[in-house]
Amino acid sequence: MTRPDAASSDALVLAPALPATFTAPDGAVVAARSATKTARAIPTQRARSRRAAAVCTPLGSITTAPARTAPGTCVCGECASAALTHLQITLTDGTPVVFVSCHDCEHTGWFALDGTGRTLTLEDVLGSATNVR
C-alpha cells in the first residue's frame, strides 16, 4: 500500500467539527439554579417507624419435647427403653391421645391423656377418629 501524497489529500472533504460548547436557551441557567435550591435531597434510607415493635410470640418446635402427661409413656412397656417417639394428637371427637413408638423394639401404643395412663386399642382410636354422617 502506498502513502497518499499531499496533492490527493487536498481532494478529501473533511466533515465540519462540532463546537466545544453549546449555547443554552435564554433563562435555562437561572431556572436550573433556582430549582436546585428548592429541591429536597433524595433520601438514601426510609425513615424509621416511631411505633413500638410488635411482641412476637415464640413458635412451637418439633425438637422441643413437651411434658409427658400420660403415665406409662416414659419408658417402653415391652423392653423398658427410654428412646421413644411421642405424638400428641386430638382425635376428631375431641379426645386427646398420645401415640408412643419405641426406637429399639418398635412396639407401638396409644394412650389416653386423661391422666389415668389407660392404654387404648387400635379399634378405640379408629372408632373415635371416625366421623359419623
N, C-alpha and C. Protein backbone atom coordinates (compact mmCIF):
# COMPACT_ATOMS: atom_id res chain seq x y z
N MET A 1 0.83 -1.15 0.00
CA MET A 1 0.00 0.00 0.00
C MET A 1 0.90 1.24 0.00
N THR A 2 0.50 2.15 -0.76
CA THR A 2 1.32 3.36 -0.90
C THR A 2 0.74 4.48 -0.09
N ARG A 3 1.62 5.39 0.25
CA ARG A 3 1.21 6.52 1.06
C ARG A 3 0.63 7.59 0.14
N PRO A 4 -0.56 8.11 0.52
CA PRO A 4 -1.13 9.14 -0.35
C PRO A 4 -0.28 10.40 -0.26
N ASP A 5 -0.14 11.03 -1.38
CA ASP A 5 0.68 12.24 -1.38
C ASP A 5 -0.17 13.45 -1.00
N ALA A 6 0.44 14.57 -0.82
CA ALA A 6 -0.23 15.77 -0.33
C ALA A 6 -1.24 16.30 -1.31
N ALA A 7 -1.02 16.11 -2.59
CA ALA A 7 -1.93 16.64 -3.59
C ALA A 7 -3.28 15.95 -3.52
N SER A 8 -3.28 14.63 -3.27
CA SER A 8 -4.54 13.90 -3.21
C SER A 8 -5.29 14.17 -1.91
N SER A 9 -4.59 14.54 -0.81
CA SER A 9 -5.26 14.82 0.46
C SER A 9 -6.06 16.10 0.40
N ASP A 10 -5.70 17.02 -0.51
CA ASP A 10 -6.49 18.24 -0.66
C ASP A 10 -7.86 17.92 -1.23
N ALA A 11 -7.96 16.81 -1.93
CA ALA A 11 -9.23 16.46 -2.56
C ALA A 11 -10.23 15.92 -1.55
N LEU A 12 -9.75 15.45 -0.37
CA LEU A 12 -10.67 14.91 0.65
C LEU A 12 -11.44 16.05 1.29
N VAL A 13 -12.69 15.83 1.49
CA VAL A 13 -13.53 16.83 2.14
C VAL A 13 -13.69 16.42 3.59
N LEU A 14 -13.33 17.28 4.50
CA LEU A 14 -13.45 16.99 5.93
C LEU A 14 -14.80 17.43 6.43
N ALA A 15 -15.38 16.65 7.38
CA ALA A 15 -16.66 17.00 7.97
C ALA A 15 -16.46 18.17 8.92
N PRO A 16 -17.43 19.04 9.01
CA PRO A 16 -17.27 20.17 9.92
C PRO A 16 -17.23 19.69 11.37
N ALA A 17 -16.41 20.26 12.19
CA ALA A 17 -16.27 19.88 13.59
C ALA A 17 -17.39 20.52 14.40
N LEU A 18 -17.85 19.78 15.44
CA LEU A 18 -18.89 20.31 16.32
C LEU A 18 -18.27 21.31 17.29
N PRO A 19 -19.02 22.32 17.70
CA PRO A 19 -18.46 23.27 18.65
C PRO A 19 -18.24 22.61 20.00
N ALA A 20 -17.28 23.08 20.78
CA ALA A 20 -16.95 22.52 22.08
C ALA A 20 -18.05 22.79 23.09
N THR A 21 -18.77 23.90 22.96
CA THR A 21 -19.85 24.23 23.88
C THR A 21 -21.09 24.58 23.09
N PHE A 22 -22.22 24.38 23.72
CA PHE A 22 -23.48 24.74 23.09
C PHE A 22 -24.09 25.90 23.87
N THR A 23 -24.84 26.68 23.22
CA THR A 23 -25.50 27.79 23.92
C THR A 23 -26.79 27.28 24.52
N ALA A 24 -27.08 27.70 25.74
CA ALA A 24 -28.30 27.31 26.44
C ALA A 24 -29.40 28.29 26.08
N PRO A 25 -30.65 27.82 26.10
CA PRO A 25 -31.74 28.74 25.84
C PRO A 25 -31.79 29.84 26.90
N ASP A 26 -32.38 30.95 26.55
CA ASP A 26 -32.45 32.06 27.48
C ASP A 26 -33.21 31.66 28.74
N GLY A 27 -32.65 31.91 29.91
CA GLY A 27 -33.31 31.65 31.19
C GLY A 27 -33.14 30.23 31.71
N ALA A 28 -32.51 29.32 30.96
CA ALA A 28 -32.37 27.93 31.40
C ALA A 28 -31.42 27.82 32.57
N VAL A 29 -30.34 28.57 32.58
CA VAL A 29 -29.37 28.50 33.67
C VAL A 29 -29.99 29.04 34.95
N VAL A 30 -30.71 30.13 34.87
CA VAL A 30 -31.35 30.71 36.05
C VAL A 30 -32.40 29.76 36.60
N ALA A 31 -33.17 29.11 35.75
CA ALA A 31 -34.20 28.16 36.19
C ALA A 31 -33.57 26.94 36.85
N ALA A 32 -32.47 26.45 36.33
CA ALA A 32 -31.81 25.28 36.91
C ALA A 32 -31.23 25.59 38.27
N ARG A 33 -30.67 26.78 38.43
CA ARG A 33 -30.10 27.16 39.73
C ARG A 33 -31.19 27.33 40.78
N SER A 34 -32.31 27.91 40.41
CA SER A 34 -33.39 28.09 41.39
C SER A 34 -34.04 26.75 41.74
N ALA A 35 -34.08 25.82 40.81
CA ALA A 35 -34.67 24.51 41.08
C ALA A 35 -33.81 23.70 42.04
N THR A 36 -32.50 23.82 41.95
CA THR A 36 -31.63 23.07 42.86
C THR A 36 -31.68 23.64 44.26
N LYS A 37 -32.00 24.90 44.42
CA LYS A 37 -32.11 25.49 45.76
C LYS A 37 -33.38 25.01 46.46
N THR A 38 -34.47 24.81 45.71
CA THR A 38 -35.74 24.41 46.32
C THR A 38 -35.92 22.90 46.37
N ALA A 39 -35.15 22.14 45.61
CA ALA A 39 -35.30 20.68 45.59
C ALA A 39 -34.76 20.07 46.86
N ARG A 40 -35.49 19.04 47.36
CA ARG A 40 -35.03 18.32 48.55
C ARG A 40 -34.08 17.22 48.13
N ALA A 41 -33.22 16.87 49.04
CA ALA A 41 -32.28 15.77 48.76
C ALA A 41 -33.03 14.45 48.73
N ILE A 42 -32.60 13.54 47.91
CA ILE A 42 -33.22 12.22 47.82
C ILE A 42 -32.75 11.41 49.02
N PRO A 43 -33.71 10.86 49.82
CA PRO A 43 -33.30 10.08 50.98
C PRO A 43 -32.63 8.78 50.56
N THR A 44 -31.63 8.39 51.30
CA THR A 44 -30.92 7.15 50.99
C THR A 44 -31.49 5.98 51.76
N GLN A 45 -32.32 6.25 52.75
CA GLN A 45 -32.89 5.19 53.56
C GLN A 45 -34.27 5.63 54.01
N ARG A 46 -35.19 4.71 54.12
CA ARG A 46 -36.53 5.05 54.59
C ARG A 46 -36.47 5.49 56.04
N ALA A 47 -37.36 6.39 56.39
CA ALA A 47 -37.44 6.83 57.78
C ALA A 47 -37.89 5.68 58.65
N ARG A 48 -37.34 5.59 59.81
CA ARG A 48 -37.70 4.51 60.73
C ARG A 48 -39.03 4.83 61.38
N SER A 49 -39.81 3.80 61.60
CA SER A 49 -41.11 3.96 62.22
C SER A 49 -40.95 4.29 63.70
N ARG A 50 -41.81 5.12 64.19
CA ARG A 50 -41.73 5.51 65.60
C ARG A 50 -42.61 4.64 66.50
N ARG A 51 -43.40 3.75 65.91
CA ARG A 51 -44.24 2.90 66.75
C ARG A 51 -43.42 1.76 67.34
N ALA A 52 -43.90 1.24 68.43
CA ALA A 52 -43.18 0.18 69.14
C ALA A 52 -43.21 -1.11 68.32
N ALA A 53 -42.17 -1.87 68.43
CA ALA A 53 -42.09 -3.14 67.72
C ALA A 53 -43.11 -4.12 68.31
N ALA A 54 -43.74 -4.90 67.46
CA ALA A 54 -44.72 -5.88 67.92
C ALA A 54 -44.01 -7.00 68.67
N VAL A 55 -44.63 -7.45 69.72
CA VAL A 55 -44.07 -8.53 70.52
C VAL A 55 -44.37 -9.84 69.81
N CYS A 56 -43.34 -10.57 69.46
CA CYS A 56 -43.51 -11.85 68.77
C CYS A 56 -43.69 -12.96 69.79
N THR A 57 -44.69 -13.79 69.55
CA THR A 57 -44.87 -14.94 70.41
C THR A 57 -43.99 -16.07 69.88
N PRO A 58 -43.33 -16.80 70.75
CA PRO A 58 -42.46 -17.87 70.27
C PRO A 58 -43.28 -18.99 69.64
N LEU A 59 -42.76 -19.51 68.56
CA LEU A 59 -43.43 -20.60 67.87
C LEU A 59 -43.04 -21.93 68.50
N GLY A 60 -43.88 -22.91 68.32
CA GLY A 60 -43.57 -24.24 68.83
C GLY A 60 -42.49 -24.89 67.99
N SER A 61 -41.94 -25.96 68.49
CA SER A 61 -40.88 -26.62 67.77
C SER A 61 -41.04 -28.12 67.89
N ILE A 62 -40.68 -28.81 66.84
CA ILE A 62 -40.72 -30.27 66.87
C ILE A 62 -39.61 -30.80 67.77
N THR A 63 -38.51 -30.06 67.85
CA THR A 63 -37.38 -30.55 68.63
C THR A 63 -37.55 -30.32 70.12
N THR A 64 -38.49 -29.48 70.52
CA THR A 64 -38.73 -29.24 71.93
C THR A 64 -39.72 -30.27 72.43
N ALA A 65 -39.31 -31.10 73.35
CA ALA A 65 -40.17 -32.16 73.86
C ALA A 65 -41.14 -31.60 74.89
N PRO A 66 -42.45 -31.78 74.67
CA PRO A 66 -43.40 -31.32 75.67
C PRO A 66 -43.39 -32.25 76.88
N ALA A 67 -43.96 -31.77 77.96
CA ALA A 67 -44.02 -32.58 79.17
C ALA A 67 -44.92 -33.79 78.91
N ARG A 68 -44.47 -34.96 79.35
CA ARG A 68 -45.26 -36.18 79.18
C ARG A 68 -46.32 -36.22 80.28
N THR A 69 -47.58 -36.06 79.89
CA THR A 69 -48.63 -36.01 80.89
C THR A 69 -49.28 -37.36 81.12
N ALA A 70 -49.16 -38.27 80.16
CA ALA A 70 -49.79 -39.58 80.32
C ALA A 70 -48.85 -40.52 81.06
N PRO A 71 -49.31 -41.12 82.15
CA PRO A 71 -48.48 -42.12 82.84
C PRO A 71 -48.25 -43.32 81.92
N GLY A 72 -47.09 -43.89 82.02
CA GLY A 72 -46.76 -45.07 81.23
C GLY A 72 -46.13 -44.74 79.89
N THR A 73 -45.85 -43.46 79.62
CA THR A 73 -45.26 -43.11 78.33
C THR A 73 -43.81 -42.67 78.47
N CYS A 74 -43.17 -42.91 79.61
CA CYS A 74 -41.77 -42.52 79.79
C CYS A 74 -40.81 -43.60 79.34
N VAL A 75 -41.20 -44.86 79.47
CA VAL A 75 -40.38 -45.99 79.02
C VAL A 75 -41.27 -46.97 78.26
N CYS A 76 -40.65 -47.77 77.42
CA CYS A 76 -41.38 -48.76 76.64
C CYS A 76 -41.92 -49.85 77.56
N GLY A 77 -43.16 -50.26 77.31
CA GLY A 77 -43.77 -51.31 78.12
C GLY A 77 -43.23 -52.69 77.80
N GLU A 78 -42.54 -52.88 76.69
CA GLU A 78 -42.02 -54.18 76.29
C GLU A 78 -40.55 -54.35 76.68
N CYS A 79 -39.69 -53.36 76.32
CA CYS A 79 -38.25 -53.53 76.54
C CYS A 79 -37.68 -52.53 77.55
N ALA A 80 -38.49 -51.65 78.11
CA ALA A 80 -38.10 -50.65 79.10
C ALA A 80 -37.09 -49.63 78.57
N SER A 81 -37.04 -49.42 77.27
CA SER A 81 -36.15 -48.43 76.68
C SER A 81 -36.78 -47.04 76.82
N ALA A 82 -35.94 -46.03 77.00
CA ALA A 82 -36.42 -44.66 77.12
C ALA A 82 -36.36 -43.92 75.77
N ALA A 83 -35.89 -44.60 74.73
CA ALA A 83 -35.81 -43.99 73.39
C ALA A 83 -37.16 -44.15 72.71
N LEU A 84 -38.06 -43.19 72.94
CA LEU A 84 -39.41 -43.27 72.43
C LEU A 84 -39.76 -42.04 71.60
N THR A 85 -40.65 -42.24 70.66
CA THR A 85 -41.22 -41.13 69.90
C THR A 85 -42.63 -40.93 70.41
N HIS A 86 -42.96 -39.66 70.76
CA HIS A 86 -44.29 -39.32 71.27
C HIS A 86 -44.98 -38.38 70.29
N LEU A 87 -46.21 -38.69 69.93
CA LEU A 87 -47.02 -37.81 69.09
C LEU A 87 -48.33 -37.55 69.81
N GLN A 88 -48.54 -36.30 70.23
CA GLN A 88 -49.80 -35.96 70.88
C GLN A 88 -50.79 -35.53 69.81
N ILE A 89 -51.95 -36.16 69.81
CA ILE A 89 -52.96 -35.94 68.78
C ILE A 89 -54.31 -35.75 69.45
N THR A 90 -55.15 -34.91 68.87
CA THR A 90 -56.54 -34.79 69.28
C THR A 90 -57.37 -35.42 68.19
N LEU A 91 -58.14 -36.44 68.55
CA LEU A 91 -58.96 -37.15 67.57
C LEU A 91 -60.14 -36.28 67.15
N THR A 92 -60.86 -36.71 66.10
CA THR A 92 -61.95 -35.89 65.58
C THR A 92 -63.10 -35.73 66.55
N ASP A 93 -63.24 -36.63 67.50
CA ASP A 93 -64.30 -36.46 68.50
C ASP A 93 -63.85 -35.62 69.68
N GLY A 94 -62.60 -35.08 69.64
CA GLY A 94 -62.10 -34.20 70.68
C GLY A 94 -61.28 -34.90 71.76
N THR A 95 -61.05 -36.20 71.64
CA THR A 95 -60.30 -36.96 72.64
C THR A 95 -58.80 -36.74 72.43
N PRO A 96 -58.10 -36.22 73.46
CA PRO A 96 -56.65 -36.08 73.33
C PRO A 96 -55.96 -37.41 73.64
N VAL A 97 -55.07 -37.85 72.74
CA VAL A 97 -54.35 -39.10 72.92
C VAL A 97 -52.89 -38.86 72.57
N VAL A 98 -52.04 -39.81 72.97
CA VAL A 98 -50.63 -39.76 72.60
C VAL A 98 -50.26 -41.12 71.99
N PHE A 99 -49.57 -41.08 70.85
CA PHE A 99 -49.06 -42.28 70.20
C PHE A 99 -47.60 -42.41 70.59
N VAL A 100 -47.21 -43.59 71.06
CA VAL A 100 -45.83 -43.84 71.50
C VAL A 100 -45.26 -44.99 70.68
N SER A 101 -44.03 -44.77 70.16
CA SER A 101 -43.33 -45.79 69.38
C SER A 101 -41.92 -45.94 69.93
N CYS A 102 -41.49 -47.19 70.17
CA CYS A 102 -40.17 -47.47 70.71
C CYS A 102 -39.16 -47.56 69.58
N HIS A 103 -38.00 -46.93 69.76
CA HIS A 103 -36.94 -46.98 68.76
C HIS A 103 -36.23 -48.33 68.74
N ASP A 104 -36.17 -49.00 69.89
CA ASP A 104 -35.40 -50.24 69.98
C ASP A 104 -36.18 -51.46 69.51
N CYS A 105 -37.39 -51.67 70.06
CA CYS A 105 -38.15 -52.88 69.72
C CYS A 105 -39.32 -52.62 68.77
N GLU A 106 -39.56 -51.36 68.42
CA GLU A 106 -40.62 -50.93 67.51
C GLU A 106 -42.02 -51.25 68.02
N HIS A 107 -42.17 -51.38 69.32
CA HIS A 107 -43.50 -51.57 69.91
C HIS A 107 -44.24 -50.23 69.87
N THR A 108 -45.51 -50.25 69.55
CA THR A 108 -46.30 -49.02 69.49
C THR A 108 -47.50 -49.13 70.41
N GLY A 109 -48.03 -47.98 70.79
CA GLY A 109 -49.22 -47.97 71.62
C GLY A 109 -49.86 -46.60 71.65
N TRP A 110 -51.17 -46.59 71.95
CA TRP A 110 -51.95 -45.37 72.09
C TRP A 110 -52.33 -45.23 73.55
N PHE A 111 -52.21 -44.01 74.09
CA PHE A 111 -52.54 -43.77 75.48
C PHE A 111 -53.49 -42.57 75.58
N ALA A 112 -54.44 -42.66 76.49
CA ALA A 112 -55.36 -41.55 76.74
C ALA A 112 -54.65 -40.50 77.58
N LEU A 113 -54.90 -39.24 77.28
CA LEU A 113 -54.27 -38.15 78.04
C LEU A 113 -55.19 -37.63 79.14
N ASP A 114 -56.03 -38.49 79.69
CA ASP A 114 -56.94 -38.07 80.76
C ASP A 114 -56.31 -38.20 82.14
N GLY A 115 -55.05 -38.62 82.21
CA GLY A 115 -54.34 -38.73 83.49
C GLY A 115 -54.34 -40.11 84.08
N THR A 116 -55.06 -41.06 83.49
CA THR A 116 -55.12 -42.42 84.04
C THR A 116 -54.04 -43.31 83.46
N GLY A 117 -53.49 -42.97 82.29
CA GLY A 117 -52.48 -43.81 81.66
C GLY A 117 -53.08 -45.03 81.01
N ARG A 118 -54.36 -44.99 80.73
CA ARG A 118 -55.07 -46.12 80.14
C ARG A 118 -54.58 -46.34 78.71
N THR A 119 -54.27 -47.60 78.38
CA THR A 119 -53.84 -47.97 77.04
C THR A 119 -55.08 -48.15 76.17
N LEU A 120 -55.06 -47.55 74.99
CA LEU A 120 -56.18 -47.65 74.07
C LEU A 120 -55.85 -48.67 72.98
N THR A 121 -56.86 -49.39 72.54
CA THR A 121 -56.67 -50.31 71.43
C THR A 121 -56.79 -49.53 70.13
N LEU A 122 -56.33 -50.14 69.05
CA LEU A 122 -56.42 -49.50 67.74
C LEU A 122 -57.89 -49.28 67.36
N GLU A 123 -58.77 -50.21 67.75
CA GLU A 123 -60.19 -50.07 67.45
C GLU A 123 -60.80 -48.87 68.18
N ASP A 124 -60.34 -48.63 69.43
CA ASP A 124 -60.81 -47.45 70.18
C ASP A 124 -60.42 -46.17 69.48
N VAL A 125 -59.18 -46.10 69.01
CA VAL A 125 -58.68 -44.90 68.35
C VAL A 125 -59.39 -44.70 67.02
N LEU A 126 -59.52 -45.75 66.22
CA LEU A 126 -60.18 -45.62 64.93
C LEU A 126 -61.66 -45.31 65.08
N GLY A 127 -62.30 -45.85 66.10
CA GLY A 127 -63.71 -45.56 66.35
C GLY A 127 -63.92 -44.12 66.75
N SER A 128 -63.00 -43.55 67.53
CA SER A 128 -63.11 -42.16 67.95
C SER A 128 -62.73 -41.20 66.84
N ALA A 129 -61.95 -41.66 65.89
CA ALA A 129 -61.48 -40.79 64.81
C ALA A 129 -62.42 -40.79 63.61
N THR A 130 -63.46 -41.62 63.65
CA THR A 130 -64.38 -41.73 62.51
C THR A 130 -65.51 -40.74 62.67
N ASN A 131 -65.78 -39.96 61.62
CA ASN A 131 -66.92 -39.05 61.62
C ASN A 131 -68.17 -39.81 61.16
N VAL A 132 -69.23 -39.72 61.91
CA VAL A 132 -70.48 -40.34 61.54
C VAL A 132 -71.34 -39.27 60.91
N ARG A 133 -71.85 -39.55 59.69
CA ARG A 133 -72.67 -38.56 58.97
C ARG A 133 -74.11 -38.95 59.02
